[in-house]
């Protein structure tokens, strides 16, 4: 009997989960700085992950890579427990942009971008240009 109640509770919780889908367009650039100037250059082949931030972990909703001009279009769906609780999307970039002293590293670094407005489809979010740090 207890197992049946637990199974019913689990099924109701899953049914109450709120799923939303997102589409985000944008452009990625690296910032290059020396003693006199700072410039920004579009960067290709950057991995872009659309993530859903949760209390204990984040879940991958979608993945893409930037083109040679730095443009990306990532789509994905996520769900959170409860019909009142929408996913909390953010973008995660894996890149090799130079660090602040101008050195270029071989290993990929991660830049999390949280300034997304959680606007689900059918609206496509035009994020604009994001400068990786």
N, C-alpha and C. Protein backbone atom coordinates (compact mmCIF):
# COMPACT_ATOMS: atom_id res chain seq x y z
N UNK A 1 0.82 -1.19 0.00
CA UNK A 1 0.00 0.00 0.00
C UNK A 1 0.87 1.27 0.00
N UNK A 2 1.91 1.26 0.83
CA UNK A 2 2.80 2.42 0.90
C UNK A 2 3.51 2.61 -0.44
N UNK A 3 3.92 1.51 -1.07
CA UNK A 3 4.57 1.62 -2.37
C UNK A 3 3.63 2.22 -3.40
N UNK A 4 2.41 1.85 -3.36
CA UNK A 4 1.42 2.40 -4.30
C UNK A 4 1.25 3.90 -4.09
N UNK A 5 1.19 4.32 -2.84
CA UNK A 5 1.07 5.75 -2.53
C UNK A 5 2.31 6.51 -3.00
N UNK A 6 3.50 5.95 -2.80
CA UNK A 6 4.72 6.59 -3.26
C UNK A 6 4.76 6.70 -4.77
N UNK A 7 4.34 5.65 -5.46
CA UNK A 7 4.30 5.67 -6.91
C UNK A 7 3.32 6.73 -7.41
N UNK A 8 2.14 6.80 -6.80
CA UNK A 8 1.15 7.81 -7.18
C UNK A 8 1.69 9.22 -6.93
N UNK A 9 2.36 9.42 -5.81
CA UNK A 9 2.93 10.73 -5.50
C UNK A 9 3.99 11.12 -6.51
N UNK A 10 4.83 10.17 -6.90
CA UNK A 10 5.87 10.45 -7.89
C UNK A 10 5.26 10.80 -9.24
N UNK A 11 4.23 10.08 -9.64
CA UNK A 11 3.58 10.35 -10.92
C UNK A 11 2.90 11.72 -10.90
N UNK A 12 2.27 12.07 -9.81
CA UNK A 12 1.64 13.39 -9.71
C UNK A 12 2.67 14.51 -9.73
N UNK A 13 3.80 14.30 -9.07
CA UNK A 13 4.86 15.31 -9.07
C UNK A 13 5.43 15.49 -10.46
N UNK A 14 5.64 14.40 -11.18
CA UNK A 14 6.15 14.50 -12.55
C UNK A 14 5.15 15.19 -13.45
N UNK A 15 3.88 14.92 -13.25
CA UNK A 15 2.85 15.55 -14.06
C UNK A 15 2.74 17.04 -13.75
N UNK A 16 3.11 17.43 -12.54
CA UNK A 16 3.01 18.84 -12.14
C UNK A 16 4.24 19.64 -12.55
N UNK A 17 5.25 18.99 -13.10
CA UNK A 17 6.45 19.72 -13.52
C UNK A 17 6.11 20.64 -14.68
N UNK A 18 6.72 21.81 -14.67
CA UNK A 18 6.48 22.81 -15.72
C UNK A 18 7.64 22.79 -16.69
N UNK A 19 7.35 22.44 -17.96
CA UNK A 19 8.39 22.44 -18.99
C UNK A 19 8.23 23.66 -19.87
N UNK A 20 9.36 24.30 -20.16
CA UNK A 20 9.38 25.43 -21.09
C UNK A 20 10.58 25.28 -22.00
N UNK A 21 10.42 25.78 -23.22
CA UNK A 21 11.47 25.70 -24.23
C UNK A 21 11.95 27.11 -24.57
N UNK A 22 13.24 27.21 -24.93
CA UNK A 22 13.86 28.49 -25.18
C UNK A 22 14.67 28.45 -26.47
N UNK A 23 14.76 29.59 -27.14
CA UNK A 23 15.64 29.77 -28.29
C UNK A 23 16.36 31.10 -28.09
N UNK A 24 17.69 31.06 -28.14
CA UNK A 24 18.48 32.26 -27.86
C UNK A 24 19.50 32.44 -28.97
N UNK A 25 19.51 33.62 -29.55
CA UNK A 25 20.49 34.00 -30.57
C UNK A 25 21.44 35.01 -29.96
N UNK A 26 22.68 34.99 -30.41
CA UNK A 26 23.63 35.98 -29.92
C UNK A 26 24.94 35.91 -30.65
N UNK A 27 25.88 36.68 -30.17
CA UNK A 27 27.22 36.74 -30.74
C UNK A 27 28.22 36.75 -29.59
N UNK A 28 29.34 36.09 -29.79
CA UNK A 28 30.37 35.97 -28.77
C UNK A 28 31.64 36.63 -29.28
N UNK A 29 32.30 37.37 -28.40
CA UNK A 29 33.57 37.97 -28.76
C UNK A 29 34.54 37.88 -27.58
N UNK A 30 35.84 37.91 -27.92
CA UNK A 30 36.91 37.97 -26.92
C UNK A 30 37.41 39.39 -26.85
N UNK A 31 37.82 39.79 -25.67
CA UNK A 31 38.38 41.12 -25.48
C UNK A 31 39.90 41.01 -25.42
N UNK A 32 40.58 41.80 -26.26
CA UNK A 32 42.03 41.86 -26.28
C UNK A 32 42.45 43.24 -25.79
N UNK A 33 43.37 43.28 -24.86
CA UNK A 33 43.81 44.57 -24.32
C UNK A 33 45.33 44.62 -24.25
N UNK A 34 45.85 45.79 -24.55
CA UNK A 34 47.27 46.04 -24.32
C UNK A 34 47.38 47.36 -23.55
N UNK A 35 48.55 47.93 -23.50
CA UNK A 35 48.76 49.14 -22.71
C UNK A 35 47.94 50.33 -23.21
N UNK A 36 47.63 50.37 -24.49
CA UNK A 36 46.99 51.56 -25.05
C UNK A 36 45.55 51.35 -25.51
N UNK A 37 45.21 50.16 -25.95
CA UNK A 37 43.87 49.96 -26.52
C UNK A 37 43.23 48.68 -26.03
N UNK A 38 41.93 48.65 -26.17
CA UNK A 38 41.15 47.44 -25.92
C UNK A 38 40.30 47.19 -27.15
N UNK A 39 40.34 45.98 -27.66
CA UNK A 39 39.52 45.65 -28.82
C UNK A 39 38.77 44.35 -28.57
N UNK A 40 37.71 44.17 -29.30
CA UNK A 40 36.90 42.96 -29.19
C UNK A 40 36.86 42.30 -30.56
N UNK A 41 37.02 40.97 -30.55
CA UNK A 41 37.08 40.22 -31.80
C UNK A 41 36.10 39.05 -31.71
N UNK A 42 35.24 38.87 -32.74
CA UNK A 42 34.35 37.70 -32.74
C UNK A 42 35.17 36.42 -32.68
N UNK A 43 34.64 35.41 -32.04
CA UNK A 43 35.38 34.16 -31.86
C UNK A 43 34.50 32.97 -32.25
N UNK A 44 35.05 32.10 -33.09
CA UNK A 44 34.34 30.92 -33.55
C UNK A 44 34.70 29.68 -32.73
N UNK A 45 33.90 28.66 -32.94
CA UNK A 45 34.12 27.34 -32.32
C UNK A 45 34.07 27.38 -30.79
N UNK A 46 33.28 28.27 -30.24
CA UNK A 46 33.06 28.32 -28.79
C UNK A 46 31.84 27.46 -28.49
N UNK A 47 31.99 26.55 -27.54
CA UNK A 47 30.85 25.72 -27.13
C UNK A 47 29.91 26.56 -26.29
N UNK A 48 28.62 26.54 -26.63
CA UNK A 48 27.59 27.29 -25.91
C UNK A 48 26.56 26.30 -25.39
N UNK A 49 26.42 26.23 -24.07
CA UNK A 49 25.43 25.36 -23.44
C UNK A 49 24.32 26.20 -22.84
N UNK A 50 23.09 25.83 -23.13
CA UNK A 50 21.91 26.42 -22.49
C UNK A 50 21.59 25.55 -21.28
N UNK A 51 21.68 26.15 -20.10
CA UNK A 51 21.54 25.40 -18.85
C UNK A 51 20.31 25.85 -18.08
N UNK A 52 19.81 24.95 -17.24
CA UNK A 52 18.74 25.25 -16.29
C UNK A 52 19.34 25.18 -14.90
N UNK A 53 19.40 26.33 -14.23
CA UNK A 53 19.97 26.38 -12.88
C UNK A 53 18.95 25.86 -11.87
N UNK A 54 19.36 24.87 -11.10
CA UNK A 54 18.53 24.32 -10.04
C UNK A 54 19.28 24.46 -8.71
N UNK A 55 18.60 24.18 -7.63
CA UNK A 55 19.20 24.36 -6.31
C UNK A 55 20.44 23.52 -6.09
N UNK A 56 20.41 22.28 -6.54
CA UNK A 56 21.51 21.37 -6.25
C UNK A 56 22.44 21.12 -7.43
N UNK A 57 21.96 21.34 -8.63
CA UNK A 57 22.79 21.13 -9.82
C UNK A 57 22.15 21.87 -10.99
N UNK A 58 22.86 21.90 -12.09
CA UNK A 58 22.32 22.51 -13.31
C UNK A 58 22.14 21.42 -14.34
N UNK A 59 21.13 21.60 -15.20
CA UNK A 59 20.83 20.60 -16.22
C UNK A 59 21.03 21.21 -17.60
N UNK A 60 21.60 20.42 -18.49
CA UNK A 60 21.80 20.83 -19.87
C UNK A 60 20.46 20.79 -20.61
N UNK A 61 20.10 21.92 -21.24
CA UNK A 61 18.88 21.97 -22.05
C UNK A 61 19.20 21.96 -23.54
N UNK A 62 20.34 22.50 -23.93
CA UNK A 62 20.71 22.54 -25.33
C UNK A 62 22.18 22.90 -25.49
N UNK A 63 22.75 22.57 -26.67
CA UNK A 63 24.17 22.84 -26.92
C UNK A 63 24.37 23.19 -28.38
N UNK A 64 25.29 24.12 -28.62
CA UNK A 64 25.69 24.49 -29.97
C UNK A 64 27.10 25.05 -29.92
N UNK A 65 27.63 25.45 -31.08
CA UNK A 65 28.94 26.09 -31.18
C UNK A 65 28.80 27.34 -32.01
N UNK A 66 29.62 28.34 -31.73
CA UNK A 66 29.58 29.57 -32.52
C UNK A 66 30.18 29.31 -33.90
N UNK A 67 29.69 30.08 -34.89
CA UNK A 67 30.27 29.99 -36.23
C UNK A 67 31.54 30.84 -36.27
N UNK A 68 32.16 30.95 -37.43
CA UNK A 68 33.43 31.68 -37.54
C UNK A 68 33.31 33.16 -37.20
N UNK A 69 32.10 33.72 -37.30
CA UNK A 69 31.88 35.13 -36.98
C UNK A 69 31.40 35.33 -35.54
N UNK A 70 31.32 34.25 -34.76
CA UNK A 70 30.95 34.35 -33.36
C UNK A 70 29.46 34.23 -33.08
N UNK A 71 28.64 34.00 -34.11
CA UNK A 71 27.18 33.92 -33.91
C UNK A 71 26.77 32.52 -33.45
N UNK A 72 25.73 32.49 -32.63
CA UNK A 72 25.19 31.21 -32.18
C UNK A 72 23.67 31.29 -32.10
N UNK A 73 23.05 30.13 -32.15
CA UNK A 73 21.61 29.97 -31.96
C UNK A 73 21.45 28.67 -31.19
N UNK A 74 21.03 28.75 -29.95
CA UNK A 74 20.88 27.56 -29.12
C UNK A 74 19.42 27.43 -28.70
N UNK A 75 18.92 26.21 -28.75
CA UNK A 75 17.54 25.93 -28.33
C UNK A 75 17.55 24.76 -27.36
N UNK A 76 16.54 24.72 -26.51
CA UNK A 76 16.42 23.61 -25.60
C UNK A 76 15.23 23.76 -24.68
N UNK A 77 14.88 22.67 -24.02
CA UNK A 77 13.74 22.63 -23.11
C UNK A 77 14.20 22.15 -21.74
N UNK A 78 13.53 22.62 -20.72
CA UNK A 78 13.82 22.20 -19.36
C UNK A 78 12.55 22.19 -18.54
N UNK A 79 12.58 21.47 -17.44
CA UNK A 79 11.42 21.45 -16.55
C UNK A 79 11.90 21.46 -15.11
N UNK A 80 11.11 22.08 -14.29
CA UNK A 80 11.37 22.13 -12.86
C UNK A 80 10.14 21.59 -12.13
N UNK A 81 10.38 21.11 -10.94
CA UNK A 81 9.30 20.53 -10.13
C UNK A 81 8.26 21.58 -9.81
N UNK A 82 7.01 21.24 -9.98
CA UNK A 82 5.90 22.11 -9.61
C UNK A 82 5.43 22.97 -10.76
N UNK A 83 4.14 23.11 -10.89
CA UNK A 83 3.55 23.89 -11.99
C UNK A 83 3.82 25.38 -11.85
N UNK A 84 4.24 25.84 -10.68
CA UNK A 84 4.52 27.25 -10.43
C UNK A 84 5.98 27.60 -10.73
N UNK A 85 6.81 26.60 -10.96
CA UNK A 85 8.26 26.78 -11.01
C UNK A 85 8.78 26.62 -12.44
N UNK A 86 9.19 27.71 -13.07
CA UNK A 86 9.74 27.66 -14.42
C UNK A 86 11.25 27.41 -14.37
N UNK A 87 11.82 26.87 -15.45
CA UNK A 87 13.28 26.74 -15.50
C UNK A 87 13.97 28.10 -15.40
N UNK A 88 15.20 28.08 -14.92
CA UNK A 88 16.01 29.29 -14.78
C UNK A 88 17.17 29.19 -15.76
N UNK A 89 16.98 29.67 -17.01
CA UNK A 89 18.01 29.47 -18.03
C UNK A 89 19.21 30.40 -17.87
N UNK A 90 20.37 29.87 -18.20
CA UNK A 90 21.58 30.68 -18.32
C UNK A 90 22.47 30.03 -19.38
N UNK A 91 23.43 30.79 -19.87
CA UNK A 91 24.35 30.29 -20.89
C UNK A 91 25.71 30.01 -20.27
N UNK A 92 26.32 28.93 -20.71
CA UNK A 92 27.65 28.55 -20.26
C UNK A 92 28.53 28.46 -21.51
N UNK A 93 29.63 29.22 -21.51
CA UNK A 93 30.55 29.27 -22.65
C UNK A 93 31.86 28.59 -22.28
N UNK A 94 32.37 27.76 -23.17
CA UNK A 94 33.67 27.11 -23.01
C UNK A 94 34.59 27.72 -24.07
N UNK A 95 35.61 28.47 -23.64
CA UNK A 95 36.37 29.28 -24.59
C UNK A 95 37.85 29.31 -24.22
N UNK A 96 38.65 29.90 -25.13
CA UNK A 96 40.08 30.08 -24.91
C UNK A 96 40.47 31.54 -25.12
N UNK A 97 39.63 32.46 -24.70
CA UNK A 97 39.96 33.88 -24.82
C UNK A 97 41.15 34.20 -23.92
N UNK A 98 41.92 35.24 -24.27
CA UNK A 98 43.06 35.61 -23.43
C UNK A 98 42.60 36.09 -22.06
N UNK A 99 43.43 35.87 -21.07
CA UNK A 99 43.12 36.37 -19.74
C UNK A 99 43.52 37.83 -19.66
N UNK A 100 43.26 38.49 -18.56
CA UNK A 100 43.41 39.94 -18.46
C UNK A 100 44.81 40.45 -18.77
N UNK A 101 45.84 39.64 -18.54
CA UNK A 101 47.20 40.11 -18.85
C UNK A 101 47.59 39.86 -20.31
N UNK A 102 46.64 39.35 -21.11
CA UNK A 102 46.88 39.14 -22.53
C UNK A 102 47.40 37.76 -22.88
N UNK A 103 47.71 36.95 -21.88
CA UNK A 103 48.22 35.60 -22.14
C UNK A 103 47.10 34.72 -22.70
N UNK A 104 47.44 33.87 -23.65
CA UNK A 104 46.47 32.93 -24.21
C UNK A 104 46.78 31.55 -23.63
N UNK A 105 45.77 30.92 -23.09
CA UNK A 105 45.94 29.63 -22.44
C UNK A 105 45.49 28.52 -23.37
N UNK A 106 46.06 27.33 -23.21
CA UNK A 106 45.66 26.19 -24.03
C UNK A 106 44.36 25.57 -23.54
N UNK A 107 44.13 25.61 -22.23
CA UNK A 107 42.94 24.95 -21.72
C UNK A 107 41.70 25.84 -21.88
N UNK A 108 40.57 25.18 -22.01
CA UNK A 108 39.32 25.92 -22.11
C UNK A 108 38.94 26.46 -20.75
N UNK A 109 38.34 27.65 -20.77
CA UNK A 109 37.82 28.25 -19.54
C UNK A 109 36.30 28.35 -19.68
N UNK A 110 35.65 28.53 -18.54
CA UNK A 110 34.18 28.59 -18.52
C UNK A 110 33.75 29.99 -18.13
N UNK A 111 32.77 30.51 -18.85
CA UNK A 111 32.15 31.80 -18.53
C UNK A 111 30.65 31.58 -18.46
N UNK A 112 30.06 31.82 -17.30
CA UNK A 112 28.61 31.68 -17.13
C UNK A 112 27.96 33.05 -17.30
N UNK A 113 26.91 33.07 -18.09
CA UNK A 113 26.19 34.32 -18.38
C UNK A 113 24.76 34.18 -17.86
N UNK A 114 24.45 34.91 -16.78
CA UNK A 114 23.17 34.77 -16.10
C UNK A 114 22.17 35.86 -16.47
N UNK A 115 22.53 36.80 -17.29
CA UNK A 115 21.66 37.95 -17.57
C UNK A 115 20.61 37.67 -18.64
N UNK A 116 20.04 36.48 -18.61
CA UNK A 116 18.98 36.13 -19.56
C UNK A 116 17.63 36.45 -18.94
N UNK A 117 16.75 36.98 -19.74
CA UNK A 117 15.36 37.07 -19.32
C UNK A 117 14.70 35.76 -19.70
N UNK A 118 14.09 35.07 -18.77
CA UNK A 118 13.51 33.76 -19.10
C UNK A 118 12.23 33.89 -19.92
N UNK A 119 12.40 34.12 -21.21
CA UNK A 119 11.26 34.27 -22.11
C UNK A 119 11.16 32.99 -22.94
N UNK A 120 10.14 32.18 -22.72
CA UNK A 120 10.04 30.91 -23.44
C UNK A 120 9.54 31.10 -24.88
N UNK A 121 9.71 30.03 -25.68
CA UNK A 121 9.17 30.02 -27.04
C UNK A 121 7.68 30.27 -26.98
N UNK A 122 7.09 30.89 -27.96
CA UNK A 122 7.56 31.08 -29.31
C UNK A 122 8.44 32.31 -29.50
N UNK A 123 8.71 33.08 -28.45
CA UNK A 123 9.58 34.25 -28.59
C UNK A 123 11.03 33.76 -28.65
N UNK A 124 11.78 34.23 -29.65
CA UNK A 124 13.21 33.94 -29.75
C UNK A 124 13.95 35.11 -29.13
N UNK A 125 14.74 34.83 -28.12
CA UNK A 125 15.46 35.87 -27.39
C UNK A 125 16.70 36.28 -28.17
N UNK A 126 16.77 37.55 -28.56
CA UNK A 126 17.95 38.11 -29.21
C UNK A 126 18.84 38.67 -28.12
N UNK A 127 19.90 37.95 -27.78
CA UNK A 127 20.73 38.31 -26.63
C UNK A 127 21.74 39.40 -26.94
N UNK A 128 22.07 39.59 -28.20
CA UNK A 128 23.08 40.59 -28.55
C UNK A 128 24.48 40.03 -28.40
N UNK A 129 25.46 40.91 -28.24
CA UNK A 129 26.86 40.49 -28.16
C UNK A 129 27.28 40.30 -26.71
N UNK A 130 27.94 39.17 -26.46
CA UNK A 130 28.43 38.82 -25.12
C UNK A 130 29.95 38.79 -25.19
N UNK A 131 30.61 39.56 -24.33
CA UNK A 131 32.07 39.56 -24.27
C UNK A 131 32.51 38.58 -23.19
N UNK A 132 33.30 37.60 -23.60
CA UNK A 132 33.77 36.57 -22.68
C UNK A 132 34.90 37.11 -21.82
N UNK A 133 34.94 36.68 -20.60
CA UNK A 133 35.97 37.11 -19.65
C UNK A 133 36.62 35.91 -19.02
